[in-house]
Amino acid sequence: MKNRSWAFLAGGLLVALLLAGVVSNYASSHPDGLDSSLLKGCTVDADDTIVAGSCPAQQAKDHELGDSPLADYGVKGVTNSFVSTGLSGVLGVLVTFAIGAGGFWLLRRRGGAPTGGDATSAPVTEGDAATSRVGTAG
């Protein structure tokens, strides 16, 4: 890979790590479109607990992986929420990058393989056909 490609890749990874590690802490804590649409018809308090009404969000259950190390946009065991959110973002970027790089590595072109066929199976062009007929005409 060219040096310019490596620089572009490293720059993109650095930007992604910066966004995930720092900027993600400043994301809105208000519900997104899906969450707010599921709350239509219900009344919620300041802690986003449903206190009255009827809405689809009342049917929600805890996720099977809700107690995993990276659940709820944080790292389990890290008490500082700023560090926990940033660290989970950085770990997510690194895991995603590793999976993507591994996939591209598996699908890469091999250097020694011919790409256009070999000389024995080369297609005959019109000029080649005329040349071969000249020698055999008779």
Protein backbone atom coordinates (compact mmCIF):
# COMPACT_ATOMS: atom_id res chain seq x y z
CA MET A 1 0.00 0.00 0.00
CA LYS A 2 1.27 3.46 -0.83
CA ASN A 3 2.38 5.87 1.90
CA ARG A 4 -0.41 8.23 0.91
CA SER A 5 -3.01 5.51 1.47
CA TRP A 6 -1.58 4.71 4.90
CA ALA A 7 -1.70 8.40 5.84
CA PHE A 8 -5.34 8.67 4.73
CA LEU A 9 -6.25 5.51 6.66
CA ALA A 10 -4.44 6.66 9.81
CA GLY A 11 -6.05 10.12 9.58
CA GLY A 12 -9.53 8.63 9.22
CA LEU A 13 -8.94 6.31 12.16
CA LEU A 14 -7.67 9.22 14.27
CA VAL A 15 -10.76 11.32 13.45
CA ALA A 16 -13.07 8.40 14.26
CA LEU A 17 -11.29 7.80 17.58
CA LEU A 18 -11.53 11.49 18.47
CA LEU A 19 -15.24 11.62 17.64
CA ALA A 20 -15.99 8.41 19.53
CA GLY A 21 -13.79 9.18 22.51
CA VAL A 22 -14.56 12.85 23.11
CA VAL A 23 -17.42 14.21 21.02
CA SER A 24 -19.75 11.30 21.86
CA ASN A 25 -19.96 12.61 25.42
CA TYR A 26 -21.75 15.72 24.16
CA ALA A 27 -24.52 13.85 22.32
CA SER A 28 -28.09 14.61 23.32
CA SER A 29 -29.47 12.56 26.19
CA HIS A 30 -33.04 13.11 24.97
CA PRO A 31 -34.79 10.19 23.26
CA ASP A 32 -34.23 9.81 19.54
CA GLY A 33 -37.00 9.43 16.97
CA LEU A 34 -37.70 5.75 17.65
CA ASP A 35 -37.76 6.17 21.42
CA SER A 36 -40.00 9.22 21.30
CA SER A 37 -42.42 7.56 18.86
CA LEU A 38 -42.70 4.57 21.19
CA LEU A 39 -43.57 6.94 24.05
CA LYS A 40 -46.50 8.58 22.20
CA GLY A 41 -49.60 8.20 24.34
CA CYS A 42 -47.71 7.94 27.64
CA THR A 43 -46.72 10.51 30.22
CA VAL A 44 -43.16 10.31 31.53
CA ASP A 45 -41.47 11.96 34.49
CA ALA A 46 -38.04 13.64 34.64
CA ASP A 47 -36.33 10.22 34.89
CA ASP A 48 -38.08 9.01 31.71
CA THR A 49 -40.24 6.62 33.71
CA ILE A 50 -43.73 6.03 32.35
CA VAL A 51 -46.24 7.30 34.91
CA ALA A 52 -49.53 7.28 32.95
CA GLY A 53 -51.12 6.47 29.62
CA SER A 54 -50.79 3.65 27.14
CA CYS A 55 -47.96 3.33 24.62
CA PRO A 56 -45.81 0.66 22.90
CA ALA A 57 -42.86 1.44 25.20
CA GLN A 58 -44.71 -0.25 28.08
CA GLN A 59 -44.09 -3.60 26.35
CA ALA A 60 -40.31 -3.10 26.32
CA LYS A 61 -38.14 -5.74 27.97
CA ASP A 62 -34.52 -5.72 29.05
CA HIS A 63 -32.10 -6.80 26.33
CA GLU A 64 -30.36 -10.16 26.72
CA LEU A 65 -26.98 -8.42 26.57
CA GLY A 66 -28.03 -5.59 28.90
CA ASP A 67 -25.42 -6.58 31.46
CA SER A 68 -22.54 -7.00 29.00
CA PRO A 69 -19.29 -5.02 29.48
CA LEU A 70 -20.19 -2.35 26.89
CA ALA A 71 -23.94 -2.00 27.53
CA ASP A 72 -25.65 1.41 27.72
CA TYR A 73 -22.89 3.37 25.96
CA GLY A 74 -20.38 2.79 28.74
CA VAL A 75 -17.80 0.38 30.11
CA LYS A 76 -18.88 -1.69 33.10
CA GLY A 77 -16.74 -0.97 36.14
CA VAL A 78 -15.68 2.55 35.11
CA THR A 79 -17.42 4.98 37.47
CA ASN A 80 -16.58 8.26 35.67
CA SER A 81 -19.34 8.57 33.03
CA PHE A 82 -17.23 10.82 30.73
CA VAL A 83 -14.38 8.28 30.65
CA SER A 84 -16.76 5.32 30.44
CA THR A 85 -18.63 6.72 27.41
CA GLY A 86 -15.42 7.77 25.66
CA LEU A 87 -13.74 4.44 26.30
CA SER A 88 -16.71 2.47 24.99
CA GLY A 89 -16.69 4.61 21.83
CA VAL A 90 -12.96 4.08 21.31
CA LEU A 91 -13.30 0.32 21.86
CA GLY A 92 -16.21 0.23 19.39
CA VAL A 93 -14.18 2.06 16.74
CA LEU A 94 -11.17 -0.22 17.23
CA VAL A 95 -13.26 -3.41 17.06
CA THR A 96 -15.07 -2.16 13.95
CA PHE A 97 -11.77 -1.16 12.33
CA ALA A 98 -10.24 -4.56 13.15
CA ILE A 99 -13.19 -6.44 11.65
CA GLY A 100 -13.16 -4.25 8.52
CA ALA A 101 -9.38 -4.50 8.09
CA GLY A 102 -9.55 -8.26 8.57
CA GLY A 103 -12.27 -8.54 5.94
CA PHE A 104 -10.31 -6.45 3.45
CA TRP A 105 -7.17 -8.45 4.21
CA LEU A 106 -9.02 -11.69 3.43
CA LEU A 107 -10.43 -10.28 0.18
CA ARG A 108 -7.25 -8.59 -1.03
CA ARG A 109 -5.70 -9.40 -4.39
CA ARG A 110 -2.77 -11.71 -4.26
CA GLY A 111 0.39 -10.32 -5.93
CA GLY A 112 1.40 -13.43 -7.88
CA ALA A 113 -1.92 -14.34 -9.52
CA PRO A 114 -2.40 -13.42 -13.20
CA THR A 115 -5.35 -11.15 -13.81
CA GLY A 116 -5.97 -11.44 -17.56
CA GLY A 117 -5.28 -15.07 -18.37
CA ASP A 118 -2.09 -16.67 -19.67
CA ALA A 119 -0.55 -16.69 -23.17
CA THR A 120 -1.97 -20.08 -24.17
CA SER A 121 -5.55 -18.96 -23.78
CA ALA A 122 -5.19 -15.45 -25.20
CA PRO A 123 -8.04 -14.49 -27.54
CA VAL A 124 -7.28 -14.29 -31.27
CA THR A 125 -7.75 -10.81 -32.68
CA GLU A 126 -8.66 -9.97 -36.26
CA GLY A 127 -5.06 -9.09 -37.15
CA ASP A 128 -3.81 -12.40 -35.72
CA ALA A 129 -6.35 -14.39 -37.73
CA ALA A 130 -5.31 -12.66 -40.99
CA THR A 131 -1.63 -13.34 -40.30
CA SER A 132 -2.26 -17.00 -39.62
CA ARG A 133 -4.25 -17.36 -42.85
CA VAL A 134 -1.51 -15.80 -44.98
CA GLY A 135 0.92 -18.58 -44.12
CA THR A 136 -1.59 -21.36 -44.81
CA ALA A 137 -3.20 -20.07 -48.00
CA GLY A 138 -2.52 -22.14 -50.94
